[in-house]
Amino acid sequence: MKRRSFLSLSLQSVLASAGPTSADAASVIDSHVHVWEHRQDFPFAEGAKPPAYDNSADDLLKLMHTNGVARTVLIQVIHYRWDNHYLIDVLRRYPGKFHGVCRVNPEDPAAPDHLSQLTEQGCHGVRLSPDATAKSDWIRGPLMTPLWQRCAQLRVPMTLLLPASRLPDVMPWIEKNPGLDVVIDHMADVPPDDPKGFQLLLQMARYPRVYVKISHMWSLSRRPYPYPDMAEQVARLRDGFGANRLMWGTDWPIVPDTLSYAQRVALYRDHLGFLTSSERADILYKTVQRVWPFDL
């Protein structure tokens, strides 16, 4: 364990209640939320199995207001697959409150043009989701070159939901597009007992425009809230990347019965006590604002 991480963790119990300043609370930006509604004018993709409940923008705005979250980055939910119309509608109805990250079909040669069109309609970034199986080997294929290039040309972030085993597959695209911001979702889903996967994630720190969402602590942890076994992992990511390349996110409303929206906000605002006030500000809003600039 690095000396800094060890000393930091020893202070966790002392600083666990240290929250952001009032200015921080007014500026908090959630980097990762999904919205959807059961509506005939915005049908779900064929074969989709969305939950019976809705998570509308109106519902989200109430939660944001109650919990001191000023703005949110909306990630196109898989229930709509490549149809981003609902996301675009939300962005138009609530200007200034949200940024939107779209999805395009990575196996469609027209994906770069679709990304351009979606950017013109208000989206700011794209998400790719390769899994660990051979069916996702498209992440290594020739269609990636024009898609990553278009993302760089448009100056919108590339967001990646992927397992750590896929990180070596995206390194060539990052190296060929050094001016592109790349965001790795949910710590590449590396649990605290996967040192090999975590080393792959740490290796991404060599790329200065790679950012990491320290989200999904609740699904990766082997301990109850506030997930003390994840504290060392977050501290080591802080040491490797710097807090200015880490961002929080609620991933609301995924598994709402496991963890409330308020608990997710409190996890980053009130716990992880080894963070300095400056580092906490980076994670709560400054990093997100750098990648997805809002008019403040």
C-alpha atoms as a PDB file:
ATOM      1  CA  MET A   1       0.000   0.000   0.000  1.00  0.00           C
ATOM      2  CA  LYS A   2       1.333   3.446  -0.850  1.00  0.00           C
ATOM      3  CA  ARG A   3       2.286   5.523   2.188  1.00  0.00           C
ATOM      4  CA  ARG A   4      -0.098   8.302   1.164  1.00  0.00           C
ATOM      5  CA  SER A   5      -3.038   5.900   0.903  1.00  0.00           C
ATOM      6  CA  PHE A   6      -2.195   4.309   4.260  1.00  0.00           C
ATOM      7  CA  LEU A   7      -1.991   7.640   6.051  1.00  0.00           C
ATOM      8  CA  SER A   8      -5.105   8.897   4.321  1.00  0.00           C
ATOM      9  CA  LEU A   9      -7.146   5.882   5.277  1.00  0.00           C
ATOM     10  CA  SER A  10      -6.016   6.174   8.880  1.00  0.00           C
ATOM     11  CA  LEU A  11      -7.710   9.579   8.934  1.00  0.00           C
ATOM     12  CA  GLN A  12     -10.960   8.323   7.468  1.00  0.00           C
ATOM     13  CA  SER A  13     -12.797   7.882  10.739  1.00  0.00           C
ATOM     14  CA  VAL A  14     -11.763  11.376  11.821  1.00  0.00           C
ATOM     15  CA  LEU A  15     -12.816  13.045   8.596  1.00  0.00           C
ATOM     16  CA  ALA A  16     -15.780  10.892   7.631  1.00  0.00           C
ATOM     17  CA  SER A  17     -18.238  13.648   8.362  1.00  0.00           C
ATOM     18  CA  ALA A  18     -16.328  16.287   6.410  1.00  0.00           C
ATOM     19  CA  GLY A  19     -18.615  17.505   3.640  1.00  0.00           C
ATOM     20  CA  PRO A  20     -18.245  20.144   0.955  1.00  0.00           C
ATOM     21  CA  THR A  21     -18.640  23.840   1.563  1.00  0.00           C
ATOM     22  CA  SER A  22     -21.949  25.531   0.836  1.00  0.00           C
ATOM     23  CA  ALA A  23     -20.537  26.728  -2.491  1.00  0.00           C
ATOM     24  CA  ASP A  24     -19.675  23.127  -3.366  1.00  0.00           C
ATOM     25  CA  ALA A  25     -23.185  21.947  -2.539  1.00  0.00           C
ATOM     26  CA  ALA A  26     -24.636  24.528  -4.928  1.00  0.00           C
ATOM     27  CA  SER A  27     -22.350  23.314  -7.709  1.00  0.00           C
ATOM     28  CA  VAL A  28     -22.613  19.517  -7.430  1.00  0.00           C
ATOM     29  CA  ILE A  29     -22.925  17.776 -10.810  1.00  0.00           C
ATOM     30  CA  ASP A  30     -23.971  14.131 -11.075  1.00  0.00           C
ATOM     31  CA  SER A  31     -22.050  12.455 -13.908  1.00  0.00           C
ATOM     32  CA  HIS A  32     -24.326   9.463 -14.467  1.00  0.00           C
ATOM     33  CA  VAL A  33     -28.134   9.089 -14.429  1.00  0.00           C
ATOM     34  CA  HIS A  34     -30.632   7.284 -16.680  1.00  0.00           C
ATOM     35  CA  VAL A  35     -34.107   8.578 -17.518  1.00  0.00           C
ATOM     36  CA  TRP A  36     -37.041   6.887 -19.250  1.00  0.00           C
ATOM     37  CA  GLU A  37     -40.830   6.846 -19.367  1.00  0.00           C
ATOM     38  CA  HIS A  38     -43.406   4.350 -20.589  1.00  0.00           C
ATOM     39  CA  ARG A  39     -44.826   6.474 -23.407  1.00  0.00           C
ATOM     40  CA  GLN A  40     -46.233   5.539 -26.790  1.00  0.00           C
ATOM     41  CA  ASP A  41     -44.512   8.490 -28.466  1.00  0.00           C
ATOM     42  CA  PHE A  42     -41.135   7.230 -27.224  1.00  0.00           C
ATOM     43  CA  PRO A  43     -41.290   3.432 -27.573  1.00  0.00           C
ATOM     44  CA  PHE A  44     -38.648   1.182 -26.096  1.00  0.00           C
ATOM     45  CA  ALA A  45     -36.423  -0.885 -28.358  1.00  0.00           C
ATOM     46  CA  GLU A  46     -37.665  -4.243 -29.555  1.00  0.00           C
ATOM     47  CA  GLY A  47     -36.893  -6.883 -26.953  1.00  0.00           C
ATOM     48  CA  ALA A  48     -36.175  -4.354 -24.215  1.00  0.00           C
ATOM     49  CA  LYS A  49     -37.266  -5.213 -20.687  1.00  0.00           C
ATOM     50  CA  PRO A  50     -37.480  -1.904 -18.820  1.00  0.00           C
ATOM     51  CA  PRO A  51     -38.630  -1.819 -15.195  1.00  0.00           C
ATOM     52  CA  ALA A  52     -42.326  -1.213 -14.620  1.00  0.00           C
ATOM     53  CA  TYR A  53     -41.575   2.157 -13.018  1.00  0.00           C
ATOM     54  CA  ASP A  54     -40.562   5.384 -14.759  1.00  0.00           C
ATOM     55  CA  ASN A  55     -37.668   7.666 -13.976  1.00  0.00           C
ATOM     56  CA  SER A  56     -38.705  10.865 -15.681  1.00  0.00           C
ATOM     57  CA  ALA A  57     -36.757  14.104 -15.818  1.00  0.00           C
ATOM     58  CA  ASP A  58     -39.395  15.687 -13.557  1.00  0.00           C
ATOM     59  CA  ASP A  59     -38.842  12.972 -10.946  1.00  0.00           C
ATOM     60  CA  LEU A  60     -35.099  13.423 -11.216  1.00  0.00           C
ATOM     61  CA  LEU A  61     -35.248  17.204 -10.863  1.00  0.00           C
ATOM     62  CA  LYS A  62     -37.159  16.837  -7.589  1.00  0.00           C
ATOM     63  CA  LEU A  63     -34.492  14.490  -6.227  1.00  0.00           C
ATOM     64  CA  MET A  64     -31.748  16.827  -7.389  1.00  0.00           C
ATOM     65  CA  HIS A  65     -33.370  19.804  -5.696  1.00  0.00           C
ATOM     66  CA  THR A  66     -33.919  17.947  -2.431  1.00  0.00           C
ATOM     67  CA  ASN A  67     -30.346  16.656  -2.325  1.00  0.00           C
ATOM     68  CA  GLY A  68     -28.420  19.710  -3.496  1.00  0.00           C
ATOM     69  CA  VAL A  69     -27.443  18.476  -6.945  1.00  0.00           C
ATOM     70  CA  ALA A  70     -27.367  21.355  -9.413  1.00  0.00           C
ATOM     71  CA  ARG A  71     -26.944  19.577 -12.748  1.00  0.00           C
ATOM     72  CA  THR A  72     -26.754  16.069 -14.162  1.00  0.00           C
ATOM     73  CA  VAL A  73     -25.245  14.210 -17.108  1.00  0.00           C
ATOM     74  CA  LEU A  74     -27.858  11.869 -18.587  1.00  0.00           C
ATOM     75  CA  ILE A  75     -26.629   8.618 -20.112  1.00  0.00           C
ATOM     76  CA  GLN A  76     -28.796   7.087 -22.827  1.00  0.00           C
ATOM     77  CA  VAL A  77     -30.485   4.124 -21.190  1.00  0.00           C
ATOM     78  CA  ILE A  78     -30.245   0.747 -22.921  1.00  0.00           C
ATOM     79  CA  HIS A  79     -34.059   0.390 -22.950  1.00  0.00           C
ATOM     80  CA  TYR A  80     -34.135   2.657 -26.037  1.00  0.00           C
ATOM     81  CA  ARG A  81     -30.964   1.164 -27.525  1.00  0.00           C
ATOM     82  CA  TRP A  82     -29.863   3.416 -30.443  1.00  0.00           C
ATOM     83  CA  ASP A  83     -33.019   5.543 -30.466  1.00  0.00           C
ATOM     84  CA  ASN A  84     -32.037   8.719 -28.616  1.00  0.00           C
ATOM     85  CA  HIS A  85     -35.265  10.678 -29.206  1.00  0.00           C
ATOM     86  CA  TYR A  86     -36.416  10.599 -25.595  1.00  0.00           C
ATOM     87  CA  LEU A  87     -33.032  11.801 -24.354  1.00  0.00           C
ATOM     88  CA  ILE A  88     -33.035  14.654 -26.880  1.00  0.00           C
ATOM     89  CA  ASP A  89     -36.568  15.612 -25.859  1.00  0.00           C
ATOM     90  CA  VAL A  90     -35.485  15.890 -22.220  1.00  0.00           C
ATOM     91  CA  LEU A  91     -32.469  18.034 -23.165  1.00  0.00           C
ATOM     92  CA  ARG A  92     -34.740  20.400 -25.105  1.00  0.00           C
ATOM     93  CA  ARG A  93     -37.320  20.661 -22.333  1.00  0.00           C
ATOM     94  CA  TYR A  94     -34.792  21.451 -19.614  1.00  0.00           C
ATOM     95  CA  PRO A  95     -31.990  23.555 -21.116  1.00  0.00           C
ATOM     96  CA  GLY A  96     -29.057  24.102 -18.817  1.00  0.00           C
ATOM     97  CA  LYS A  97     -29.970  21.360 -16.334  1.00  0.00           C
ATOM     98  CA  PHE A  98     -28.675  18.363 -18.243  1.00  0.00           C
ATOM     99  CA  HIS A  99     -26.056  17.171 -20.690  1.00  0.00           C
ATOM    100  CA  GLY A 100     -26.815  14.040 -22.689  1.00  0.00           C
ATOM    101  CA  VAL A 101     -24.557  11.158 -23.693  1.00  0.00           C
ATOM    102  CA  CYS A 102     -26.027   9.236 -26.621  1.00  0.00           C
ATOM    103  CA  ARG A 103     -25.595   5.719 -27.941  1.00  0.00           C
ATOM    104  CA  VAL A 104     -24.859   4.769 -31.534  1.00  0.00           C
ATOM    105  CA  ASN A 105     -24.584   1.312 -33.038  1.00  0.00           C
ATOM    106  CA  PRO A 106     -20.830   0.603 -33.102  1.00  0.00           C
ATOM    107  CA  GLU A 107     -21.303  -2.032 -35.807  1.00  0.00           C
ATOM    108  CA  ASP A 108     -23.034   0.397 -38.183  1.00  0.00           C
ATOM    109  CA  PRO A 109     -20.689   2.106 -40.678  1.00  0.00           C
ATOM    110  CA  ALA A 110     -22.951   5.172 -40.463  1.00  0.00           C
ATOM    111  CA  ALA A 111     -22.357   5.525 -36.712  1.00  0.00           C
ATOM    112  CA  PRO A 112     -20.002   8.538 -37.088  1.00  0.00           C
ATOM    113  CA  ASP A 113     -22.646  10.433 -39.066  1.00  0.00           C
ATOM    114  CA  HIS A 114     -25.300   9.462 -36.530  1.00  0.00           C
ATOM    115  CA  LEU A 115     -23.054  10.875 -33.811  1.00  0.00           C
ATOM    116  CA  SER A 116     -22.699  14.141 -35.727  1.00  0.00           C
ATOM    117  CA  GLN A 117     -26.479  14.409 -36.096  1.00  0.00           C
ATOM    118  CA  LEU A 118     -27.058  13.682 -32.416  1.00  0.00           C
ATOM    119  CA  THR A 119     -24.462  16.265 -31.431  1.00  0.00           C
ATOM    120  CA  GLU A 120     -26.268  18.860 -33.547  1.00  0.00           C
ATOM    121  CA  GLN A 121     -29.473  17.925 -31.682  1.00  0.00           C
ATOM    122  CA  GLY A 122     -27.957  18.600 -28.291  1.00  0.00           C
ATOM    123  CA  CYS A 123     -26.080  15.478 -27.213  1.00  0.00           C
ATOM    124  CA  HIS A 124     -22.575  15.886 -25.848  1.00  0.00           C
ATOM    125  CA  GLY A 125     -20.728  12.611 -26.078  1.00  0.00           C
ATOM    126  CA  VAL A 126     -21.278   8.963 -26.896  1.00  0.00           C
ATOM    127  CA  ARG A 127     -21.179   5.749 -24.911  1.00  0.00           C
ATOM    128  CA  LEU A 128     -19.845   2.390 -26.093  1.00  0.00           C
ATOM    129  CA  SER A 129     -20.479  -0.792 -24.116  1.00  0.00           C
ATOM    130  CA  PRO A 130     -18.304  -3.738 -25.147  1.00  0.00           C
ATOM    131  CA  ASP A 131     -18.566  -6.745 -22.873  1.00  0.00           C
ATOM    132  CA  ALA A 132     -15.936  -9.424 -22.281  1.00  0.00           C
ATOM    133  CA  THR A 133     -17.289 -11.885 -24.862  1.00  0.00           C
ATOM    134  CA  ALA A 134     -16.280 -12.395 -28.491  1.00  0.00           C
ATOM    135  CA  LYS A 135     -19.483 -10.712 -29.682  1.00  0.00           C
ATOM    136  CA  SER A 136     -17.944  -7.406 -28.624  1.00  0.00           C
ATOM    137  CA  ASP A 137     -14.728  -7.800 -30.590  1.00  0.00           C
ATOM    138  CA  TRP A 138     -16.004  -4.917 -32.729  1.00  0.00           C
ATOM    139  CA  ILE A 139     -14.121  -2.744 -30.223  1.00  0.00           C
ATOM    140  CA  ARG A 140     -10.932  -3.899 -31.989  1.00  0.00           C
ATOM    141  CA  GLY A 141     -12.351  -3.633 -35.502  1.00  0.00           C
ATOM    142  CA  PRO A 142     -11.974  -1.171 -38.377  1.00  0.00           C
ATOM    143  CA  LEU A 143     -15.258   0.654 -37.679  1.00  0.00           C
ATOM    144  CA  MET A 144     -13.719   2.081 -34.529  1.00  0.00           C
ATOM    145  CA  THR A 145     -11.246   4.265 -36.429  1.00  0.00           C
ATOM    146  CA  PRO A 146     -13.824   6.618 -38.017  1.00  0.00           C
ATOM    147  CA  LEU A 147     -16.059   6.639 -34.927  1.00  0.00           C
ATOM    148  CA  TRP A 148     -13.279   7.636 -32.551  1.00  0.00           C
ATOM    149  CA  GLN A 149     -11.975  10.162 -35.064  1.00  0.00           C
ATOM    150  CA  ARG A 150     -15.403  11.739 -35.410  1.00  0.00           C
ATOM    151  CA  CYS A 151     -15.729  11.941 -31.651  1.00  0.00           C
ATOM    152  CA  ALA A 152     -12.392  13.754 -31.498  1.00  0.00           C
ATOM    153  CA  GLN A 153     -13.351  16.082 -34.355  1.00  0.00           C
ATOM    154  CA  LEU A 154     -16.621  16.976 -32.637  1.00  0.00           C
ATOM    155  CA  ARG A 155     -14.771  17.475 -29.348  1.00  0.00           C
ATOM    156  CA  VAL A 156     -17.255  15.415 -27.389  1.00  0.00           C
ATOM    157  CA  PRO A 157     -16.218  12.814 -24.795  1.00  0.00           C
ATOM    158  CA  MET A 158     -16.030   9.091 -25.455  1.00  0.00           C
ATOM    159  CA  THR A 159     -17.608   7.218 -22.532  1.00  0.00           C
ATOM    160  CA  LEU A 160     -16.852   3.530 -22.052  1.00  0.00           C
ATOM    161  CA  LEU A 161     -18.824   0.953 -20.109  1.00  0.00           C
ATOM    162  CA  LEU A 162     -16.509  -2.034 -20.224  1.00  0.00           C
ATOM    163  CA  PRO A 163     -14.821  -4.671 -18.080  1.00  0.00           C
ATOM    164  CA  ALA A 164     -11.166  -4.233 -17.183  1.00  0.00           C
ATOM    165  CA  SER A 165     -10.224  -7.046 -19.582  1.00  0.00           C
ATOM    166  CA  ARG A 166     -11.258  -4.771 -22.459  1.00  0.00           C
ATOM    167  CA  LEU A 167      -9.055  -1.849 -21.423  1.00  0.00           C
ATOM    168  CA  PRO A 168      -6.085  -3.013 -23.565  1.00  0.00           C
ATOM    169  CA  ASP A 169      -8.424  -3.016 -26.571  1.00  0.00           C
ATOM    170  CA  VAL A 170      -9.166   0.700 -26.249  1.00  0.00           C
ATOM    171  CA  MET A 171      -5.589   1.812 -25.646  1.00  0.00           C
ATOM    172  CA  PRO A 172      -4.777   2.008 -29.386  1.00  0.00           C
ATOM    173  CA  TRP A 173      -7.799   4.266 -30.016  1.00  0.00           C
ATOM    174  CA  ILE A 174      -6.817   6.522 -27.123  1.00  0.00           C
ATOM    175  CA  GLU A 175      -3.262   6.758 -28.419  1.00  0.00           C
ATOM    176  CA  LYS A 176      -4.470   7.629 -31.928  1.00  0.00           C
ATOM    177  CA  ASN A 177      -6.756  10.360 -30.554  1.00  0.00           C
ATOM    178  CA  PRO A 178      -4.679  12.081 -27.858  1.00  0.00           C
ATOM    179  CA  GLY A 179      -6.910  15.170 -27.776  1.00  0.00           C
ATOM    180  CA  LEU A 180     -10.064  13.196 -26.985  1.00  0.00           C
ATOM    181  CA  ASP A 181     -11.525  13.048 -23.476  1.00  0.00           C
ATOM    182  CA  VAL A 182     -12.271   9.421 -22.548  1.00  0.00           C
ATOM    183  CA  VAL A 183     -14.358   8.482 -19.498  1.00  0.00           C
ATOM    184  CA  ILE A 184     -14.300   4.988 -17.977  1.00  0.00           C
ATOM    185  CA  ASP A 185     -17.574   4.174 -16.278  1.00  0.00           C
ATOM    186  CA  HIS A 186     -17.877   2.554 -12.857  1.00  0.00           C
ATOM    187  CA  MET A 187     -14.137   1.912 -12.325  1.00  0.00           C
ATOM    188  CA  ALA A 188     -14.358  -0.651 -15.167  1.00  0.00           C
ATOM    189  CA  ASP A 189     -16.433  -2.701 -12.695  1.00  0.00           C
ATOM    190  CA  VAL A 190     -13.296  -3.820 -10.839  1.00  0.00           C
ATOM    191  CA  PRO A 191     -14.115  -5.223  -7.375  1.00  0.00           C
ATOM    192  CA  PRO A 192     -11.665  -4.805  -4.478  1.00  0.00           C
ATOM    193  CA  ASP A 193     -10.482  -8.420  -4.758  1.00  0.00           C
ATOM    194  CA  ASP A 194      -9.339  -8.211  -8.409  1.00  0.00           C
ATOM    195  CA  PRO A 195      -5.742  -6.907  -8.318  1.00  0.00           C
ATOM    196  CA  LYS A 196      -5.077  -7.814 -11.952  1.00  0.00           C
ATOM    197  CA  GLY A 197      -8.097  -5.886 -13.188  1.00  0.00           C
ATOM    198  CA  PHE A 198      -7.236  -2.969 -10.934  1.00  0.00           C
ATOM    199  CA  GLN A 199      -3.692  -2.786 -12.308  1.00  0.00           C
ATOM    200  CA  LEU A 200      -5.146  -2.597 -15.826  1.00  0.00           C
ATOM    201  CA  LEU A 201      -7.300   0.288 -14.694  1.00  0.00           C
ATOM    202  CA  LEU A 202      -4.370   2.065 -13.028  1.00  0.00           C
ATOM    203  CA  GLN A 203      -2.369   1.756 -16.234  1.00  0.00           C
ATOM    204  CA  MET A 204      -4.902   4.038 -17.919  1.00  0.00           C
ATOM    205  CA  ALA A 205      -3.579   6.905 -15.797  1.00  0.00           C
ATOM    206  CA  ARG A 206      -0.697   7.247 -18.281  1.00  0.00           C
ATOM    207  CA  TYR A 207      -3.155   8.882 -20.677  1.00  0.00           C
ATOM    208  CA  PRO A 208      -3.710  12.442 -19.444  1.00  0.00           C
ATOM    209  CA  ARG A 209      -7.219  12.760 -20.898  1.00  0.00           C
ATOM    210  CA  VAL A 210      -8.635   9.546 -19.435  1.00  0.00           C
ATOM    211  CA  TYR A 211     -11.097  10.051 -16.562  1.00  0.00           C
ATOM    212  CA  VAL A 212     -12.709   7.514 -14.211  1.00  0.00           C
ATOM    213  CA  LYS A 213     -16.139   7.467 -12.599  1.00  0.00           C
ATOM    214  CA  ILE A 214     -15.785   6.140  -9.055  1.00  0.00           C
ATOM    215  CA  SER A 215     -19.374   4.945  -9.192  1.00  0.00           C
ATOM    216  CA  HIS A 216     -20.936   1.526  -8.555  1.00  0.00           C
ATOM    217  CA  MET A 217     -19.239   1.209  -5.174  1.00  0.00           C
ATOM    218  CA  TRP A 218     -22.454  -0.460  -3.991  1.00  0.00           C
ATOM    219  CA  SER A 219     -22.275  -3.235  -6.587  1.00  0.00           C
ATOM    220  CA  LEU A 220     -18.507  -3.811  -6.275  1.00  0.00           C
ATOM    221  CA  SER A 221     -18.199  -3.778  -2.496  1.00  0.00           C
ATOM    222  CA  ARG A 222     -18.272  -6.851  -0.280  1.00  0.00           C
ATOM    223  CA  ARG A 223     -19.254  -4.738   2.741  1.00  0.00           C
ATOM    224  CA  PRO A 224     -22.360  -2.767   3.747  1.00  0.00           C
ATOM    225  CA  TYR A 225     -22.828   0.960   3.217  1.00  0.00           C
ATOM    226  CA  PRO A 226     -20.667   3.096   3.143  1.00  0.00           C
ATOM    227  CA  TYR A 227     -18.510   0.325   1.629  1.00  0.00           C
ATOM    228  CA  PRO A 228     -15.244   0.653   3.566  1.00  0.00           C
ATOM    229  CA  ASP A 229     -13.532  -2.018   1.449  1.00  0.00           C
ATOM    230  CA  MET A 230     -13.795   0.301  -1.556  1.00  0.00           C
ATOM    231  CA  ALA A 231     -12.092   3.191   0.238  1.00  0.00           C
ATOM    232  CA  GLU A 232      -8.569   1.934  -0.482  1.00  0.00           C
ATOM    233  CA  GLN A 233      -9.417   1.403  -4.141  1.00  0.00           C
ATOM    234  CA  VAL A 234     -10.746   4.941  -4.490  1.00  0.00           C
ATOM    235  CA  ALA A 235      -7.709   6.295  -2.617  1.00  0.00           C
ATOM    236  CA  ARG A 236      -5.349   4.453  -4.965  1.00  0.00           C
ATOM    237  CA  LEU A 237      -7.210   5.812  -7.968  1.00  0.00           C
ATOM    238  CA  ARG A 238      -6.848   9.273  -6.449  1.00  0.00           C
ATOM    239  CA  ASP A 239      -3.115   8.644  -6.090  1.00  0.00           C
ATOM    240  CA  GLY A 240      -2.795   7.317  -9.649  1.00  0.00           C
ATOM    241  CA  PHE A 241      -5.040   9.648 -11.616  1.00  0.00           C
ATOM    242  CA  GLY A 242      -5.381  12.633  -9.306  1.00  0.00           C
ATOM    243  CA  ALA A 243      -8.763  13.732  -8.002  1.00  0.00           C
ATOM    244  CA  ASN A 244      -9.036  16.106 -10.962  1.00  0.00           C
ATOM    245  CA  ARG A 245      -9.582  13.049 -13.189  1.00  0.00           C
ATOM    246  CA  LEU A 246     -12.122  11.304 -10.964  1.00  0.00           C
ATOM    247  CA  MET A 247     -15.859  11.971 -10.808  1.00  0.00           C
ATOM    248  CA  TRP A 248     -18.755  10.633  -8.805  1.00  0.00           C
ATOM    249  CA  GLY A 249     -22.104   9.459 -10.169  1.00  0.00           C
ATOM    250  CA  THR A 250     -25.299   8.005  -8.749  1.00  0.00           C
ATOM    251  CA  ASP A 251     -26.254   5.732 -11.678  1.00  0.00           C
ATOM    252  CA  TRP A 252     -29.803   6.487 -10.554  1.00  0.00           C
ATOM    253  CA  PRO A 253     -32.227   4.702 -10.636  1.00  0.00           C
ATOM    254  CA  ILE A 254     -30.392   1.409 -11.109  1.00  0.00           C
ATOM    255  CA  VAL A 255     -31.169  -0.944  -8.161  1.00  0.00           C
ATOM    256  CA  PRO A 256     -33.285   1.641  -6.287  1.00  0.00           C
ATOM    257  CA  ASP A 257     -34.204  -0.910  -3.614  1.00  0.00           C
ATOM    258  CA  THR A 258     -30.527  -1.341  -2.743  1.00  0.00           C
ATOM    259  CA  LEU A 259     -29.615   2.294  -2.282  1.00  0.00           C
ATOM    260  CA  SER A 260     -31.593   5.524  -2.330  1.00  0.00           C
ATOM    261  CA  TYR A 261     -30.613   8.571  -4.354  1.00  0.00           C
ATOM    262  CA  ALA A 262     -29.928  10.452  -1.108  1.00  0.00           C
ATOM    263  CA  GLN A 263     -27.583   7.707   0.117  1.00  0.00           C
ATOM    264  CA  ARG A 264     -25.658   7.804  -3.151  1.00  0.00           C
ATOM    265  CA  VAL A 265     -25.167  11.550  -2.900  1.00  0.00           C
ATOM    266  CA  ALA A 266     -24.145  11.270   0.764  1.00  0.00           C
ATOM    267  CA  LEU A 267     -21.629   8.535  -0.050  1.00  0.00           C
ATOM    268  CA  TYR A 268     -19.448  11.030  -1.932  1.00  0.00           C
ATOM    269  CA  ARG A 269     -20.403  14.209  -0.128  1.00  0.00           C
ATOM    270  CA  ASP A 270     -20.145  12.982   3.469  1.00  0.00           C
ATOM    271  CA  HIS A 271     -17.991   9.828   3.438  1.00  0.00           C
ATOM    272  CA  LEU A 272     -14.622   8.970   1.803  1.00  0.00           C
ATOM    273  CA  GLY A 273     -13.152  11.123   4.546  1.00  0.00           C
ATOM    274  CA  PHE A 274      -9.558  10.759   3.313  1.00  0.00           C
ATOM    275  CA  LEU A 275     -10.328  13.295   0.578  1.00  0.00           C
ATOM    276  CA  THR A 276      -9.199  16.843   1.119  1.00  0.00           C
ATOM    277  CA  SER A 277     -11.773  19.584   0.586  1.00  0.00           C
ATOM    278  CA  SER A 278     -10.127  20.414  -2.744  1.00  0.00           C
ATOM    279  CA  GLU A 279     -10.189  16.776  -3.880  1.00  0.00           C
ATOM    280  CA  ARG A 280     -13.815  16.423  -2.852  1.00  0.00           C
ATOM    281  CA  ALA A 281     -14.684  19.498  -4.917  1.00  0.00           C
ATOM    282  CA  ASP A 282     -12.935  17.928  -7.931  1.00  0.00           C
ATOM    283  CA  ILE A 283     -14.898  14.702  -7.580  1.00  0.00           C
ATOM    284  CA  LEU A 284     -18.254  16.347  -6.859  1.00  0.00           C
ATOM    285  CA  TYR A 285     -18.265  18.866  -9.689  1.00  0.00           C
ATOM    286  CA  LYS A 286     -14.993  20.247 -11.054  1.00  0.00           C
ATOM    287  CA  THR A 287     -13.997  17.156 -13.039  1.00  0.00           C
ATOM    288  CA  VAL A 288     -17.477  16.729 -14.479  1.00  0.00           C
ATOM    289  CA  GLN A 289     -17.571  20.410 -15.412  1.00  0.00           C
ATOM    290  CA  ARG A 290     -14.241  20.021 -17.202  1.00  0.00           C
ATOM    291  CA  VAL A 291     -15.477  17.082 -19.300  1.00  0.00           C
ATOM    292  CA  TRP A 292     -19.100  18.213 -19.750  1.00  0.00           C
ATOM    293  CA  PRO A 293     -19.027  22.028 -19.427  1.00  0.00           C
ATOM    294  CA  PHE A 294     -22.238  23.613 -18.203  1.00  0.00           C
ATOM    295  CA  ASP A 295     -22.992  27.305 -18.380  1.00  0.00           C
ATOM    296  CA  LEU A 296     -22.719  28.202 -14.723  1.00  0.00           C
END
